[in-house]
N, C-alpha and C. Protein backbone atom coordinates (compact mmCIF):
# COMPACT_ATOMS: atom_id res chain seq x y z
N MET A 1 0.82 -1.20 0.00
CA MET A 1 0.00 0.00 0.00
C MET A 1 0.86 1.25 0.00
N GLY A 2 2.15 1.12 -0.13
CA GLY A 2 2.99 2.30 -0.15
C GLY A 2 3.66 2.51 1.18
N SER A 3 4.25 3.66 1.34
CA SER A 3 4.98 3.95 2.56
C SER A 3 4.03 4.25 3.72
N LYS A 4 4.59 4.22 4.90
CA LYS A 4 3.81 4.50 6.10
C LYS A 4 3.26 5.93 6.07
N GLU A 5 4.05 6.85 5.56
CA GLU A 5 3.63 8.25 5.48
C GLU A 5 2.46 8.41 4.50
N GLU A 6 2.53 7.70 3.35
CA GLU A 6 1.44 7.76 2.39
C GLU A 6 0.15 7.24 3.01
N MET A 7 0.26 6.16 3.77
CA MET A 7 -0.91 5.57 4.42
C MET A 7 -1.50 6.54 5.43
N GLN A 8 -0.65 7.19 6.21
CA GLN A 8 -1.14 8.14 7.20
C GLN A 8 -1.80 9.33 6.52
N ASP A 9 -1.21 9.81 5.42
CA ASP A 9 -1.82 10.91 4.67
C ASP A 9 -3.19 10.51 4.14
N TRP A 10 -3.26 9.28 3.63
CA TRP A 10 -4.52 8.80 3.10
C TRP A 10 -5.57 8.70 4.20
N LEU A 11 -5.18 8.17 5.37
CA LEU A 11 -6.12 8.05 6.48
C LEU A 11 -6.68 9.41 6.89
N LEU A 12 -5.81 10.39 6.93
CA LEU A 12 -6.27 11.73 7.31
C LEU A 12 -7.20 12.32 6.27
N SER A 13 -7.00 11.95 5.01
CA SER A 13 -7.81 12.54 3.94
C SER A 13 -9.17 11.86 3.77
N VAL A 14 -9.37 10.68 4.34
CA VAL A 14 -10.61 9.97 4.13
C VAL A 14 -11.56 10.04 5.32
N GLY A 15 -11.35 10.96 6.19
CA GLY A 15 -12.23 11.09 7.33
C GLY A 15 -13.68 11.21 6.89
N ILE A 16 -14.56 10.54 7.59
CA ILE A 16 -15.98 10.57 7.26
C ILE A 16 -16.58 11.78 7.94
N VAL A 17 -17.09 12.70 7.13
CA VAL A 17 -17.58 13.97 7.64
C VAL A 17 -18.82 13.79 8.51
N SER A 18 -19.77 12.99 8.08
CA SER A 18 -20.99 12.78 8.88
C SER A 18 -21.24 11.29 9.05
N PRO A 19 -20.56 10.67 10.01
CA PRO A 19 -20.74 9.23 10.22
C PRO A 19 -22.15 8.88 10.67
N VAL A 20 -22.65 7.76 10.20
CA VAL A 20 -23.96 7.27 10.61
C VAL A 20 -23.87 6.86 12.07
N THR A 21 -24.84 7.27 12.87
CA THR A 21 -24.88 6.88 14.28
C THR A 21 -26.23 6.25 14.58
N LYS A 22 -26.30 5.52 15.68
CA LYS A 22 -27.57 4.91 16.09
C LYS A 22 -28.60 5.99 16.40
N GLU A 23 -28.14 7.10 16.93
CA GLU A 23 -29.06 8.18 17.27
C GLU A 23 -29.63 8.85 16.02
N SER A 24 -28.80 9.05 15.02
CA SER A 24 -29.27 9.74 13.81
C SER A 24 -30.06 8.84 12.88
N ALA A 25 -29.77 7.54 12.86
CA ALA A 25 -30.41 6.64 11.90
C ALA A 25 -31.53 5.80 12.50
N GLY A 26 -31.53 5.64 13.80
CA GLY A 26 -32.57 4.85 14.43
C GLY A 26 -32.61 3.42 13.93
N ALA A 27 -33.79 2.96 13.52
CA ALA A 27 -33.98 1.58 13.07
C ALA A 27 -33.23 1.27 11.78
N LEU A 28 -32.85 2.28 11.04
CA LEU A 28 -32.14 2.09 9.77
C LEU A 28 -30.62 2.13 9.94
N TYR A 29 -30.16 2.09 11.18
CA TYR A 29 -28.73 2.25 11.46
C TYR A 29 -27.85 1.28 10.67
N HIS A 30 -28.12 -0.01 10.74
CA HIS A 30 -27.25 -0.97 10.08
C HIS A 30 -27.33 -0.86 8.56
N GLN A 31 -28.49 -0.52 8.03
CA GLN A 31 -28.61 -0.33 6.58
C GLN A 31 -27.78 0.85 6.12
N GLN A 32 -27.90 1.96 6.82
CA GLN A 32 -27.13 3.15 6.45
C GLN A 32 -25.64 2.94 6.68
N LEU A 33 -25.30 2.28 7.77
CA LEU A 33 -23.90 1.98 8.06
C LEU A 33 -23.33 1.07 6.97
N SER A 34 -24.11 0.12 6.51
CA SER A 34 -23.69 -0.79 5.46
C SER A 34 -23.35 -0.04 4.18
N ARG A 35 -24.19 0.87 3.79
CA ARG A 35 -23.94 1.66 2.57
C ARG A 35 -22.72 2.57 2.74
N GLN A 36 -22.60 3.19 3.91
CA GLN A 36 -21.45 4.07 4.15
C GLN A 36 -20.16 3.26 4.13
N LEU A 37 -20.17 2.09 4.71
CA LEU A 37 -19.00 1.23 4.73
C LEU A 37 -18.63 0.76 3.33
N ALA A 38 -19.62 0.39 2.53
CA ALA A 38 -19.37 -0.06 1.16
C ALA A 38 -18.73 1.06 0.34
N ASP A 39 -19.18 2.29 0.54
CA ASP A 39 -18.56 3.44 -0.15
C ASP A 39 -17.13 3.66 0.34
N PHE A 40 -16.94 3.54 1.64
CA PHE A 40 -15.65 3.80 2.24
C PHE A 40 -14.57 2.83 1.78
N VAL A 41 -14.90 1.54 1.67
CA VAL A 41 -13.87 0.53 1.42
C VAL A 41 -13.35 0.53 -0.02
N ARG A 42 -13.98 1.25 -0.91
CA ARG A 42 -13.55 1.22 -2.31
C ARG A 42 -12.09 1.63 -2.48
N ILE A 43 -11.67 2.73 -1.88
CA ILE A 43 -10.30 3.21 -2.05
C ILE A 43 -9.29 2.28 -1.38
N PRO A 44 -9.50 1.87 -0.12
CA PRO A 44 -8.53 0.94 0.46
C PRO A 44 -8.42 -0.38 -0.32
N LEU A 45 -9.54 -0.88 -0.82
CA LEU A 45 -9.50 -2.12 -1.60
C LEU A 45 -8.73 -1.92 -2.90
N GLU A 46 -8.96 -0.81 -3.53
CA GLU A 46 -8.25 -0.51 -4.79
C GLU A 46 -6.75 -0.46 -4.55
N ARG A 47 -6.35 0.14 -3.46
CA ARG A 47 -4.92 0.29 -3.15
C ARG A 47 -4.28 -1.01 -2.68
N SER A 48 -5.10 -1.94 -2.22
CA SER A 48 -4.54 -3.19 -1.71
C SER A 48 -4.71 -4.36 -2.66
N GLY A 49 -5.12 -4.10 -3.87
CA GLY A 49 -5.26 -5.18 -4.85
C GLY A 49 -6.61 -5.86 -4.85
N GLY A 50 -7.60 -5.30 -4.19
CA GLY A 50 -8.95 -5.83 -4.26
C GLY A 50 -9.40 -6.67 -3.09
N MET A 51 -8.53 -6.86 -2.09
CA MET A 51 -8.90 -7.67 -0.93
C MET A 51 -8.17 -7.17 0.31
N MET A 52 -8.90 -7.08 1.43
CA MET A 52 -8.30 -6.69 2.71
C MET A 52 -8.93 -7.50 3.83
N ASN A 53 -8.13 -7.75 4.84
CA ASN A 53 -8.58 -8.43 6.05
C ASN A 53 -9.67 -7.58 6.71
N LEU A 54 -10.72 -8.21 7.21
CA LEU A 54 -11.82 -7.49 7.85
C LEU A 54 -11.35 -6.70 9.06
N ILE A 55 -10.36 -7.20 9.77
CA ILE A 55 -9.84 -6.48 10.93
C ILE A 55 -9.21 -5.15 10.50
N ASP A 56 -8.48 -5.17 9.38
CA ASP A 56 -7.88 -3.93 8.87
C ASP A 56 -8.96 -2.94 8.45
N ILE A 57 -10.02 -3.43 7.82
CA ILE A 57 -11.14 -2.57 7.43
C ILE A 57 -11.76 -1.94 8.67
N TYR A 58 -11.95 -2.74 9.70
CA TYR A 58 -12.52 -2.26 10.96
C TYR A 58 -11.69 -1.11 11.53
N CYS A 59 -10.37 -1.29 11.55
CA CYS A 59 -9.48 -0.26 12.09
C CYS A 59 -9.51 1.01 11.23
N LEU A 60 -9.43 0.86 9.92
CA LEU A 60 -9.45 2.02 9.02
C LEU A 60 -10.77 2.78 9.12
N PHE A 61 -11.87 2.04 9.15
CA PHE A 61 -13.19 2.66 9.19
C PHE A 61 -13.39 3.43 10.49
N ASN A 62 -13.03 2.82 11.62
CA ASN A 62 -13.16 3.51 12.90
C ASN A 62 -12.24 4.72 12.97
N ARG A 63 -11.06 4.60 12.40
CA ARG A 63 -10.13 5.74 12.38
C ARG A 63 -10.74 6.91 11.60
N ALA A 64 -11.39 6.60 10.48
CA ALA A 64 -12.00 7.64 9.66
C ALA A 64 -13.23 8.24 10.33
N ARG A 65 -13.88 7.49 11.20
CA ARG A 65 -15.08 7.97 11.88
C ARG A 65 -14.75 8.89 13.06
N GLY A 66 -13.51 8.94 13.45
CA GLY A 66 -13.14 9.82 14.55
C GLY A 66 -13.62 9.28 15.88
N THR A 67 -14.53 10.01 16.54
CA THR A 67 -15.01 9.60 17.87
C THR A 67 -16.28 8.77 17.81
N GLU A 68 -16.88 8.63 16.65
CA GLU A 68 -18.12 7.86 16.49
C GLU A 68 -17.80 6.41 16.11
N LEU A 69 -17.13 5.70 17.01
CA LEU A 69 -16.67 4.35 16.74
C LEU A 69 -17.83 3.36 16.68
N ILE A 70 -17.62 2.28 15.90
CA ILE A 70 -18.61 1.21 15.83
C ILE A 70 -18.03 -0.03 16.47
N SER A 71 -18.90 -0.93 16.86
CA SER A 71 -18.45 -2.18 17.47
C SER A 71 -18.16 -3.21 16.38
N PRO A 72 -17.41 -4.25 16.72
CA PRO A 72 -17.19 -5.34 15.76
C PRO A 72 -18.51 -5.98 15.30
N ASP A 73 -19.48 -6.10 16.21
CA ASP A 73 -20.78 -6.67 15.85
C ASP A 73 -21.51 -5.79 14.84
N ASP A 74 -21.45 -4.47 15.04
CA ASP A 74 -22.08 -3.55 14.08
C ASP A 74 -21.43 -3.68 12.71
N LEU A 75 -20.11 -3.84 12.68
CA LEU A 75 -19.40 -4.01 11.42
C LEU A 75 -19.87 -5.29 10.72
N LEU A 76 -19.94 -6.38 11.44
CA LEU A 76 -20.37 -7.64 10.85
C LEU A 76 -21.80 -7.56 10.32
N GLN A 77 -22.68 -6.93 11.09
CA GLN A 77 -24.07 -6.78 10.64
C GLN A 77 -24.16 -5.92 9.40
N ALA A 78 -23.38 -4.83 9.36
CA ALA A 78 -23.38 -3.96 8.19
C ALA A 78 -22.85 -4.71 6.97
N CYS A 79 -21.79 -5.47 7.13
CA CYS A 79 -21.23 -6.24 6.02
C CYS A 79 -22.20 -7.31 5.53
N SER A 80 -22.93 -7.93 6.45
CA SER A 80 -23.86 -8.99 6.05
C SER A 80 -25.00 -8.45 5.19
N LEU A 81 -25.28 -7.16 5.28
CA LEU A 81 -26.35 -6.55 4.48
C LEU A 81 -25.91 -6.28 3.04
N TRP A 82 -24.63 -6.36 2.75
CA TRP A 82 -24.16 -6.12 1.38
C TRP A 82 -24.80 -7.06 0.38
N GLU A 83 -25.15 -8.27 0.82
CA GLU A 83 -25.79 -9.23 -0.08
C GLU A 83 -27.13 -8.71 -0.58
N LYS A 84 -27.82 -7.91 0.23
CA LYS A 84 -29.13 -7.37 -0.14
C LYS A 84 -29.03 -6.13 -1.00
N PHE A 85 -27.92 -5.43 -0.90
CA PHE A 85 -27.74 -4.18 -1.64
C PHE A 85 -26.87 -4.42 -2.86
N ASP A 86 -27.02 -3.58 -3.83
CA ASP A 86 -26.21 -3.69 -5.05
C ASP A 86 -24.92 -2.90 -4.84
N VAL A 87 -23.98 -3.51 -4.10
CA VAL A 87 -22.69 -2.87 -3.84
C VAL A 87 -21.59 -3.71 -4.47
N PRO A 88 -20.49 -3.10 -4.86
CA PRO A 88 -19.43 -3.83 -5.57
C PRO A 88 -18.47 -4.61 -4.68
N VAL A 89 -18.82 -4.78 -3.40
CA VAL A 89 -17.93 -5.49 -2.47
C VAL A 89 -18.69 -6.60 -1.75
N MET A 90 -17.93 -7.51 -1.17
CA MET A 90 -18.53 -8.62 -0.42
C MET A 90 -17.58 -9.06 0.69
N VAL A 91 -18.13 -9.79 1.65
CA VAL A 91 -17.33 -10.38 2.72
C VAL A 91 -17.15 -11.85 2.37
N ARG A 92 -15.95 -12.31 2.62
CA ARG A 92 -15.64 -13.72 2.34
C ARG A 92 -14.96 -14.31 3.56
N LYS A 93 -15.37 -15.52 3.92
CA LYS A 93 -14.76 -16.23 5.04
C LYS A 93 -14.05 -17.46 4.51
N PHE A 94 -12.76 -17.53 4.75
CA PHE A 94 -11.97 -18.67 4.31
C PHE A 94 -12.12 -19.82 5.29
N ASP A 95 -11.73 -21.01 4.85
CA ASP A 95 -11.82 -22.20 5.70
C ASP A 95 -11.05 -22.02 7.01
N SER A 96 -10.02 -21.21 6.98
CA SER A 96 -9.21 -20.96 8.18
C SER A 96 -9.94 -20.09 9.19
N GLY A 97 -11.05 -19.47 8.77
CA GLY A 97 -11.79 -18.57 9.65
C GLY A 97 -11.49 -17.10 9.38
N VAL A 98 -10.47 -16.82 8.60
CA VAL A 98 -10.11 -15.45 8.26
C VAL A 98 -11.21 -14.84 7.39
N MET A 99 -11.63 -13.64 7.76
CA MET A 99 -12.65 -12.94 6.99
C MET A 99 -12.01 -11.76 6.27
N VAL A 100 -12.37 -11.59 5.01
CA VAL A 100 -11.84 -10.50 4.21
C VAL A 100 -12.99 -9.77 3.52
N VAL A 101 -12.70 -8.54 3.14
CA VAL A 101 -13.60 -7.78 2.27
C VAL A 101 -12.91 -7.76 0.92
N GLN A 102 -13.68 -8.04 -0.12
CA GLN A 102 -13.08 -8.03 -1.45
C GLN A 102 -14.05 -7.46 -2.46
N ASN A 103 -13.48 -6.96 -3.55
CA ASN A 103 -14.29 -6.51 -4.67
C ASN A 103 -14.98 -7.73 -5.26
N LYS A 104 -16.23 -7.57 -5.67
CA LYS A 104 -16.94 -8.69 -6.30
C LYS A 104 -16.25 -9.13 -7.58
N SER A 105 -15.58 -8.20 -8.24
CA SER A 105 -14.88 -8.56 -9.47
C SER A 105 -13.68 -9.45 -9.19
N ASN A 106 -13.30 -9.60 -7.93
CA ASN A 106 -12.20 -10.48 -7.55
C ASN A 106 -12.72 -11.81 -7.00
N SER A 107 -14.01 -12.10 -7.19
CA SER A 107 -14.55 -13.36 -6.68
C SER A 107 -13.97 -14.52 -7.50
N ASP A 108 -14.01 -15.70 -6.92
CA ASP A 108 -13.47 -16.89 -7.60
C ASP A 108 -14.13 -17.09 -8.95
N GLU A 109 -15.44 -16.89 -9.00
CA GLU A 109 -16.17 -17.10 -10.25
C GLU A 109 -15.70 -16.13 -11.32
N GLU A 110 -15.52 -14.87 -10.96
CA GLU A 110 -15.08 -13.85 -11.93
C GLU A 110 -13.66 -14.13 -12.40
N VAL A 111 -12.80 -14.55 -11.49
CA VAL A 111 -11.42 -14.85 -11.85
C VAL A 111 -11.37 -16.03 -12.81
N ILE A 112 -12.16 -17.06 -12.53
CA ILE A 112 -12.21 -18.24 -13.39
C ILE A 112 -12.74 -17.89 -14.78
N LEU A 113 -13.81 -17.08 -14.83
CA LEU A 113 -14.39 -16.69 -16.10
C LEU A 113 -13.45 -15.84 -16.94
N SER A 114 -12.62 -15.03 -16.30
CA SER A 114 -11.71 -14.16 -17.05
C SER A 114 -10.44 -14.87 -17.49
N SER A 115 -10.24 -16.10 -17.02
CA SER A 115 -9.02 -16.85 -17.39
C SER A 115 -9.12 -17.44 -18.77
């Protein structure tokens, strides 16, 4: 992803101006959080080759949110809603238990079809 300084510059530049909160979104919190997260992960995924560990996404997203941190459970619930929405990313769990966020264009099916 480049040098440590480039990463820090990028983190500072991607701050989320109006993060979704439980108070502001109410019953739609996880849906709105899901969409905000899907928009947010596009740049980090692009810079990392299309796939990132879910833990890294969690850290980057909370860093960008400033003081409006989300819990790991909220992150998982938001990611699980991507299947219902037309977003270009998905969560994948490997047999080892490692969970990643990846571009849908990097799915096994897409890679096989493009070969």
